[in-house]
C-alpha atoms as a PDB file:
ATOM      1  CA  MET A   1     123.688 -38.110 106.262  1.00  0.00           C
ATOM      2  CA  VAL A   2     123.265 -34.269 107.126  1.00  0.00           C
ATOM      3  CA  LYS A   3     123.467 -33.431 103.255  1.00  0.00           C
ATOM      4  CA  TRP A   4     120.904 -36.411 102.508  1.00  0.00           C
ATOM      5  CA  ALA A   5     118.578 -34.818 105.116  1.00  0.00           C
ATOM      6  CA  LEU A   6     119.198 -31.378 103.769  1.00  0.00           C
ATOM      7  CA  ARG A   7     118.524 -32.560 100.242  1.00  0.00           C
ATOM      8  CA  MET A   8     115.443 -34.188 101.066  1.00  0.00           C
ATOM      9  CA  THR A   9     114.317 -30.966 102.834  1.00  0.00           C
ATOM     10  CA  TYR A  10     114.884 -29.148  99.798  1.00  0.00           C
ATOM     11  CA  SER A  11     113.047 -31.414  97.697  1.00  0.00           C
ATOM     12  CA  ALA A  12     110.010 -31.283  99.460  1.00  0.00           C
ATOM     13  CA  GLN A  13     110.206 -27.568  99.664  1.00  0.00           C
ATOM     14  CA  MET A  14     110.742 -27.491  95.892  1.00  0.00           C
ATOM     15  CA  HIS A  15     107.581 -30.049  95.629  1.00  0.00           C
ATOM     16  CA  THR A  16     105.604 -27.859  97.818  1.00  0.00           C
ATOM     17  CA  GLU A  17     106.258 -24.860  95.731  1.00  0.00           C
ATOM     18  CA  LEU A  18     105.415 -26.420  92.823  1.00  0.00           C
ATOM     19  CA  ASP A  19     102.413 -28.096  93.635  1.00  0.00           C
ATOM     20  CA  ALA A  20     101.357 -24.243  95.321  1.00  0.00           C
ATOM     21  CA  ARG A  21     102.279 -22.744  91.681  1.00  0.00           C
ATOM     22  CA  TYR A  22     100.217 -25.495  90.036  1.00  0.00           C
ATOM     23  CA  ARG A  23      97.439 -24.946  91.899  1.00  0.00           C
ATOM     24  CA  ILE A  24      97.206 -21.555  91.263  1.00  0.00           C
ATOM     25  CA  LEU A  25      97.537 -22.047  87.528  1.00  0.00           C
ATOM     26  CA  ASP A  26      94.704 -24.183  87.747  1.00  0.00           C
ATOM     27  CA  THR A  27      93.073 -21.741  89.703  1.00  0.00           C
ATOM     28  CA  ARG A  28      93.241 -19.032  87.051  1.00  0.00           C
ATOM     29  CA  ARG A  29      93.049 -21.760  84.482  1.00  0.00           C
ATOM     30  CA  THR A  30      89.420 -22.330  85.608  1.00  0.00           C
ATOM     31  CA  LYS A  31      88.550 -18.775  85.914  1.00  0.00           C
ATOM     32  CA  ASP A  32      89.604 -17.963  82.290  1.00  0.00           C
ATOM     33  CA  GLN A  33      87.612 -20.751  81.016  1.00  0.00           C
ATOM     34  CA  HIS A  34      84.715 -19.481  83.095  1.00  0.00           C
ATOM     35  CA  ARG A  35      85.157 -16.219  81.846  1.00  0.00           C
ATOM     36  CA  ALA A  36      85.628 -17.041  78.515  1.00  0.00           C
ATOM     37  CA  SER A  37      82.794 -19.104  78.676  1.00  0.00           C
ATOM     38  CA  SER A  38      80.635 -16.436  80.225  1.00  0.00           C
ATOM     39  CA  ILE A  39      81.697 -14.105  77.463  1.00  0.00           C
ATOM     40  CA  GLU A  40      81.031 -16.625  74.756  1.00  0.00           C
ATOM     41  CA  HIS A  41      77.481 -17.054  75.953  1.00  0.00           C
ATOM     42  CA  ARG A  42      77.022 -13.356  76.403  1.00  0.00           C
ATOM     43  CA  VAL A  43      78.117 -12.808  72.821  1.00  0.00           C
ATOM     44  CA  ARG A  44      75.848 -15.808  71.715  1.00  0.00           C
ATOM     45  CA  GLY A  45      73.018 -14.462  73.164  1.00  0.00           C
ATOM     46  CA  PHE A  46      73.189 -10.833  71.716  1.00  0.00           C
ATOM     47  CA  THR A  47      74.073 -12.309  68.301  1.00  0.00           C
ATOM     48  CA  SER A  48      70.633 -14.497  68.304  1.00  0.00           C
ATOM     49  CA  ALA A  49      68.657 -11.633  69.522  1.00  0.00           C
ATOM     50  CA  GLU A  50      70.032  -9.410  66.522  1.00  0.00           C
ATOM     51  CA  LEU A  51      69.836 -11.713  63.974  1.00  0.00           C
ATOM     52  CA  LEU A  52      65.965 -12.712  65.322  1.00  0.00           C
ATOM     53  CA  VAL A  53      65.380  -8.664  64.878  1.00  0.00           C
ATOM     54  CA  VAL A  54      67.208  -8.556  61.352  1.00  0.00           C
ATOM     55  CA  ILE A  55      65.077 -11.649  60.269  1.00  0.00           C
ATOM     56  CA  VAL A  56      61.855  -9.876  61.140  1.00  0.00           C
ATOM     57  CA  VAL A  57      62.773  -6.573  59.937  1.00  0.00           C
ATOM     58  CA  VAL A  58      63.803  -8.210  56.620  1.00  0.00           C
ATOM     59  CA  SER A  59      60.913 -10.131  56.272  1.00  0.00           C
ATOM     60  CA  LEU A  60      58.721  -7.243  57.027  1.00  0.00           C
ATOM     61  CA  PHE A  61      60.594  -5.029  54.125  1.00  0.00           C
ATOM     62  CA  ALA A  62      60.236  -8.024  51.734  1.00  0.00           C
ATOM     63  CA  LEU A  63      56.256  -8.480  52.747  1.00  0.00           C
ATOM     64  CA  LEU A  64      55.370  -4.800  51.971  1.00  0.00           C
ATOM     65  CA  ALA A  65      57.627  -4.622  48.647  1.00  0.00           C
ATOM     66  CA  GLN A  66      55.878  -7.960  47.674  1.00  0.00           C
ATOM     67  CA  ILE A  67      52.378  -5.925  48.334  1.00  0.00           C
ATOM     68  CA  HIS A  68      53.714  -2.726  46.661  1.00  0.00           C
ATOM     69  CA  LEU A  69      54.805  -4.976  43.513  1.00  0.00           C
ATOM     70  CA  PHE A  70      51.742  -6.759  43.277  1.00  0.00           C
ATOM     71  CA  GLY A  71      49.721  -3.637  43.421  1.00  0.00           C
ATOM     72  CA  LEU A  72      51.836  -2.205  40.514  1.00  0.00           C
ATOM     73  CA  LEU A  73      51.406  -5.050  38.626  1.00  0.00           C
ATOM     74  CA  ARG A  74      47.890  -5.287  38.914  1.00  0.00           C
ATOM     75  CA  LYS A  75      47.881  -1.455  38.101  1.00  0.00           C
ATOM     76  CA  ASN A  76      50.184  -1.937  35.191  1.00  0.00           C
ATOM     77  CA  THR A  77      48.563  -4.816  33.874  1.00  0.00           C
ATOM     78  CA  PHE A  78      45.072  -2.235  33.488  1.00  0.00           C
ATOM     79  CA  LYS A  79      47.225   0.607  31.858  1.00  0.00           C
ATOM     80  CA  ALA A  80      48.914  -1.974  29.689  1.00  0.00           C
ATOM     81  CA  GLN A  81      45.549  -3.744  28.759  1.00  0.00           C
ATOM     82  CA  ILE A  82      43.717  -0.495  28.291  1.00  0.00           C
ATOM     83  CA  GLN A  83      46.525   1.518  26.603  1.00  0.00           C
ATOM     84  CA  GLU A  84      46.745  -1.386  23.711  1.00  0.00           C
ATOM     85  CA  PHE A  85      43.209  -1.156  23.287  1.00  0.00           C
ATOM     86  CA  VAL A  86      43.615   2.522  22.606  1.00  0.00           C
ATOM     87  CA  SER A  87      46.499   1.879  20.732  1.00  0.00           C
ATOM     88  CA  THR A  88      44.620  -0.442  18.291  1.00  0.00           C
ATOM     89  CA  MET A  89      41.535   2.104  17.744  1.00  0.00           C
ATOM     90  CA  GLN A  90      44.154   4.618  16.785  1.00  0.00           C
ATOM     91  CA  MET A  91      46.161   2.272  14.501  1.00  0.00           C
ATOM     92  CA  ALA A  92      42.766   1.617  12.737  1.00  0.00           C
ATOM     93  CA  ALA A  93      41.943   5.378  11.978  1.00  0.00           C
ATOM     94  CA  ARG A  94      45.711   6.080  11.049  1.00  0.00           C
ATOM     95  CA  ALA A  95      45.755   3.334   8.710  1.00  0.00           C
ATOM     96  CA  ALA A  96      42.282   4.418   7.288  1.00  0.00           C
ATOM     97  CA  ALA A  97      43.512   7.807   6.525  1.00  0.00           C
ATOM     98  CA  GLU A  98      46.867   6.656   4.863  1.00  0.00           C
ATOM     99  CA  THR A  99      45.670   3.956   2.938  1.00  0.00           C
ATOM    100  CA  GLY A 100      42.098   4.633   2.076  1.00  0.00           C
ATOM    101  CA  ARG A 101      40.937   1.648   3.306  1.00  0.00           C
ATOM    102  CA  ILE A 102      38.190   0.695   5.655  1.00  0.00           C
ATOM    103  CA  TYR A 103      38.909  -1.059   8.927  1.00  0.00           C
ATOM    104  CA  GLU A 104      36.476  -2.012  11.548  1.00  0.00           C
ATOM    105  CA  VAL A 105      36.798  -2.835  15.565  1.00  0.00           C
ATOM    106  CA  ILE A 106      34.750  -5.173  16.933  1.00  0.00           C
ATOM    107  CA  ILE A 107      34.011  -5.216  20.541  1.00  0.00           C
ATOM    108  CA  ASP A 108      32.610  -8.626  21.779  1.00  0.00           C
ATOM    109  CA  ILE A 109      31.143  -7.573  25.198  1.00  0.00           C
ATOM    110  CA  ALA A 110      30.106 -11.102  26.086  1.00  0.00           C
ATOM    111  CA  GLU A 111      33.368 -12.719  25.137  1.00  0.00           C
ATOM    112  CA  GLN A 112      35.300  -9.670  26.975  1.00  0.00           C
ATOM    113  CA  SER A 113      37.836  -9.591  23.400  1.00  0.00           C
ATOM    114  CA  TYR A 114      38.143  -7.286  20.389  1.00  0.00           C
ATOM    115  CA  THR A 115      39.107  -7.561  16.521  1.00  0.00           C
ATOM    116  CA  LEU A 116      40.541  -5.205  14.433  1.00  0.00           C
ATOM    117  CA  LYS A 117      40.090  -6.394  10.814  1.00  0.00           C
ATOM    118  CA  HIS A 118      40.787  -4.972   7.315  1.00  0.00           C
ATOM    119  CA  VAL A 119      37.591  -4.759   5.866  1.00  0.00           C
ATOM    120  CA  THR A 120      37.869  -6.341   2.322  1.00  0.00           C
ATOM    121  CA  GLY A 121      33.904  -6.052   1.247  1.00  0.00           C
ATOM    122  CA  SER A 122      32.039  -3.823  -0.543  1.00  0.00           C
ATOM    123  CA  GLU A 123      29.714  -2.842   1.766  1.00  0.00           C
ATOM    124  CA  LEU A 124      29.337  -2.246   5.843  1.00  0.00           C
ATOM    125  CA  SER A 125      27.570  -4.769   7.992  1.00  0.00           C
ATOM    126  CA  GLN A 126      27.928  -7.000  10.790  1.00  0.00           C
ATOM    127  CA  ASP A 127      29.189  -9.677   8.504  1.00  0.00           C
ATOM    128  CA  THR A 128      31.565  -7.853   6.455  1.00  0.00           C
ATOM    129  CA  PRO A 129      34.221 -10.063   5.262  1.00  0.00           C
ATOM    130  CA  GLY A 130      37.876  -9.169   6.161  1.00  0.00           C
ATOM    131  CA  GLU A 131      41.325  -9.696   7.114  1.00  0.00           C
ATOM    132  CA  ILE A 132      42.144  -9.904  10.728  1.00  0.00           C
ATOM    133  CA  VAL A 133      45.020  -7.535  11.801  1.00  0.00           C
ATOM    134  CA  VAL A 134      44.290  -8.032  15.722  1.00  0.00           C
ATOM    135  CA  LYS A 135      42.485 -10.020  18.248  1.00  0.00           C
ATOM    136  CA  ASN A 136      42.997  -9.905  21.958  1.00  0.00           C
ATOM    137  CA  ASP A 137      41.268 -10.243  25.058  1.00  0.00           C
ATOM    138  CA  PHE A 138      40.345  -8.384  28.068  1.00  0.00           C
ATOM    139  CA  SER A 139      40.688  -9.719  31.528  1.00  0.00           C
ATOM    140  CA  ASP A 140      38.917  -9.147  35.155  1.00  0.00           C
ATOM    141  CA  ASN A 141      41.430  -6.164  35.476  1.00  0.00           C
ATOM    142  CA  CYS A 142      40.360  -4.467  32.526  1.00  0.00           C
ATOM    143  CA  ARG A 143      36.525  -5.412  31.204  1.00  0.00           C
ATOM    144  CA  VAL A 144      34.417  -3.897  28.873  1.00  0.00           C
ATOM    145  CA  VAL A 145      31.409  -2.415  30.801  1.00  0.00           C
ATOM    146  CA  HIS A 146      29.089  -1.249  27.836  1.00  0.00           C
ATOM    147  CA  VAL A 147      29.325   0.686  24.785  1.00  0.00           C
ATOM    148  CA  LEU A 148      27.398   3.817  23.901  1.00  0.00           C
ATOM    149  CA  PHE A 149      27.330   5.342  20.345  1.00  0.00           C
ATOM    150  CA  ASP A 150      26.834   9.042  19.708  1.00  0.00           C
ATOM    151  CA  ASP A 151      23.293   8.085  18.291  1.00  0.00           C
ATOM    152  CA  TRP A 152      22.504   6.840  21.791  1.00  0.00           C
ATOM    153  CA  ASP A 153      22.382   3.266  19.961  1.00  0.00           C
ATOM    154  CA  PHE A 154      23.733   1.134  23.353  1.00  0.00           C
ATOM    155  CA  THR A 155      24.672  -2.648  24.194  1.00  0.00           C
ATOM    156  CA  ASN A 156      26.230  -4.054  27.532  1.00  0.00           C
ATOM    157  CA  ASP A 157      26.079  -7.780  26.289  1.00  0.00           C
ATOM    158  CA  SER A 158      26.694  -8.277  22.771  1.00  0.00           C
ATOM    159  CA  LYS A 159      28.922  -6.845  19.899  1.00  0.00           C
ATOM    160  CA  ALA A 160      29.539  -3.165  18.791  1.00  0.00           C
ATOM    161  CA  TRP A 161      30.743  -2.357  15.649  1.00  0.00           C
ATOM    162  CA  PHE A 162      32.983   0.569  14.879  1.00  0.00           C
ATOM    163  CA  TRP A 163      33.830   1.099  11.081  1.00  0.00           C
ATOM    164  CA  VAL A 164      36.489   3.941  10.051  1.00  0.00           C
ATOM    165  CA  GLY A 165      37.489   5.092   6.466  1.00  0.00           C
ATOM    166  CA  HIS A 166      39.714   7.846   5.140  1.00  0.00           C
ATOM    167  CA  SER A 167      37.197  10.483   6.055  1.00  0.00           C
ATOM    168  CA  GLY A 168      36.684   9.066   9.643  1.00  0.00           C
ATOM    169  CA  TRP A 169      34.625   6.840  12.004  1.00  0.00           C
ATOM    170  CA  ALA A 170      31.212   6.170  10.679  1.00  0.00           C
ATOM    171  CA  TYR A 171      30.245   6.175  14.394  1.00  0.00           C
ATOM    172  CA  GLY A 172      31.268   7.984  17.407  1.00  0.00           C
ATOM    173  CA  GLY A 173      30.840   6.874  21.035  1.00  0.00           C
ATOM    174  CA  LYS A 174      32.394   5.800  23.794  1.00  0.00           C
ATOM    175  CA  ILE A 175      33.502   2.214  25.147  1.00  0.00           C
ATOM    176  CA  VAL A 176      33.171   2.235  29.235  1.00  0.00           C
ATOM    177  CA  LEU A 177      35.722  -0.291  30.726  1.00  0.00           C
ATOM    178  CA  ALA A 178      36.256  -0.970  34.521  1.00  0.00           C
ATOM    179  CA  ASP A 179      39.471  -1.975  36.543  1.00  0.00           C
ATOM    180  CA  GLU A 180      39.472  -4.673  39.433  1.00  0.00           C
ATOM    181  CA  LYS A 181      38.366  -1.838  41.745  1.00  0.00           C
ATOM    182  CA  GLU A 182      35.455  -1.234  39.172  1.00  0.00           C
ATOM    183  CA  GLN A 183      36.522   2.149  38.532  1.00  0.00           C
ATOM    184  CA  PRO A 184      35.313   3.084  35.217  1.00  0.00           C
ATOM    185  CA  TYR A 185      37.675   4.525  32.409  1.00  0.00           C
ATOM    186  CA  SER A 186      36.045   5.590  28.984  1.00  0.00           C
ATOM    187  CA  VAL A 187      37.917   5.363  25.332  1.00  0.00           C
ATOM    188  CA  VAL A 188      35.939   7.920  23.301  1.00  0.00           C
ATOM    189  CA  VAL A 189      35.543   7.832  19.705  1.00  0.00           C
ATOM    190  CA  ASN A 190      35.181  11.466  17.833  1.00  0.00           C
ATOM    191  CA  ARG A 191      33.958  10.981  14.304  1.00  0.00           C
ATOM    192  CA  LEU A 192      34.234  14.552  13.672  1.00  0.00           C
ATOM    193  CA  ASN A 193      38.019  14.753  14.000  1.00  0.00           C
ATOM    194  CA  ARG A 194      38.879  10.651  14.093  1.00  0.00           C
ATOM    195  CA  MET A 195      40.467  11.235  17.383  1.00  0.00           C
ATOM    196  CA  VAL A 196      40.500   8.340  20.292  1.00  0.00           C
ATOM    197  CA  THR A 197      40.973   9.428  23.773  1.00  0.00           C
ATOM    198  CA  LEU A 198      41.104   7.718  27.028  1.00  0.00           C
ATOM    199  CA  GLU A 199      39.529   9.609  30.256  1.00  0.00           C
ATOM    200  CA  GLU A 200      38.696   8.763  33.763  1.00  0.00           C
ATOM    201  CA  GLY A 201      35.236   8.030  34.561  1.00  0.00           C
ATOM    202  CA  ASP A 202      32.133   7.250  32.941  1.00  0.00           C
ATOM    203  CA  VAL A 203      31.907  10.548  30.425  1.00  0.00           C
ATOM    204  CA  GLU A 204      28.832  12.211  29.053  1.00  0.00           C
ATOM    205  CA  LEU A 205      29.012  12.012  25.360  1.00  0.00           C
ATOM    206  CA  LEU A 206      28.276  15.284  23.353  1.00  0.00           C
ATOM    207  CA  GLU A 207      24.643  15.827  21.790  1.00  0.00           C
ATOM    208  CA  PRO A 208      23.847  12.804  19.492  1.00  0.00           C
ATOM    209  CA  LYS A 209      24.476  13.708  15.997  1.00  0.00           C
ATOM    210  CA  ARG A 210      22.136  12.591  12.951  1.00  0.00           C
ATOM    211  CA  LYS A 211      23.907   9.391  11.050  1.00  0.00           C
ATOM    212  CA  ASP A 212      25.144  10.790   8.046  1.00  0.00           C
ATOM    213  CA  GLU A 213      26.857   8.391   5.623  1.00  0.00           C
ATOM    214  CA  LEU A 214      30.069   8.868   5.132  1.00  0.00           C
ATOM    215  CA  PRO A 215      31.971   8.595   1.635  1.00  0.00           C
ATOM    216  CA  PHE A 216      34.349   5.603   2.173  1.00  0.00           C
END
């Protein structure tokens, strides 16, 4: 009986100790869970705020880059068009000097276009037959405003003809173009040295020359 009572007492003590240990473990586990949950919440909150800031910064940079790129494209579009036109005029003068043939550049202000043509007729006129070499259109980013010849002949709504042969241009003058901001640029044709140059602004021409016929 005594042994049985001692065994029962020991067993009860063991259960009590185990219960106390379990309670301690449960308490620690609960605290750890609360601590982990709190840390996770703080980490998640910090990451979300940081992500939001990053998104905003990236969006701003993307917007600025887009605006800058769009501006460059518009600027490059104007420069590309006006340089292509100048190159066409220069090509006509160079081809005429090398081949002895006559070329004409027709600028159509109403249609905002230009045409380089190899003249095949014997007489120079506005309807001279010929073979089209280049035909291009201008745009809103690069449009023709007016043409002024060096004999003071002026047009801002019709066609203008520039003829060039082995001796140079039959007429000099300037073709004034404007970009999308209405800033003027002048393509100057010099019949004395057959040069075609691009200058900023609506430049003044030299004193008008007498219209002498050139031996093409």
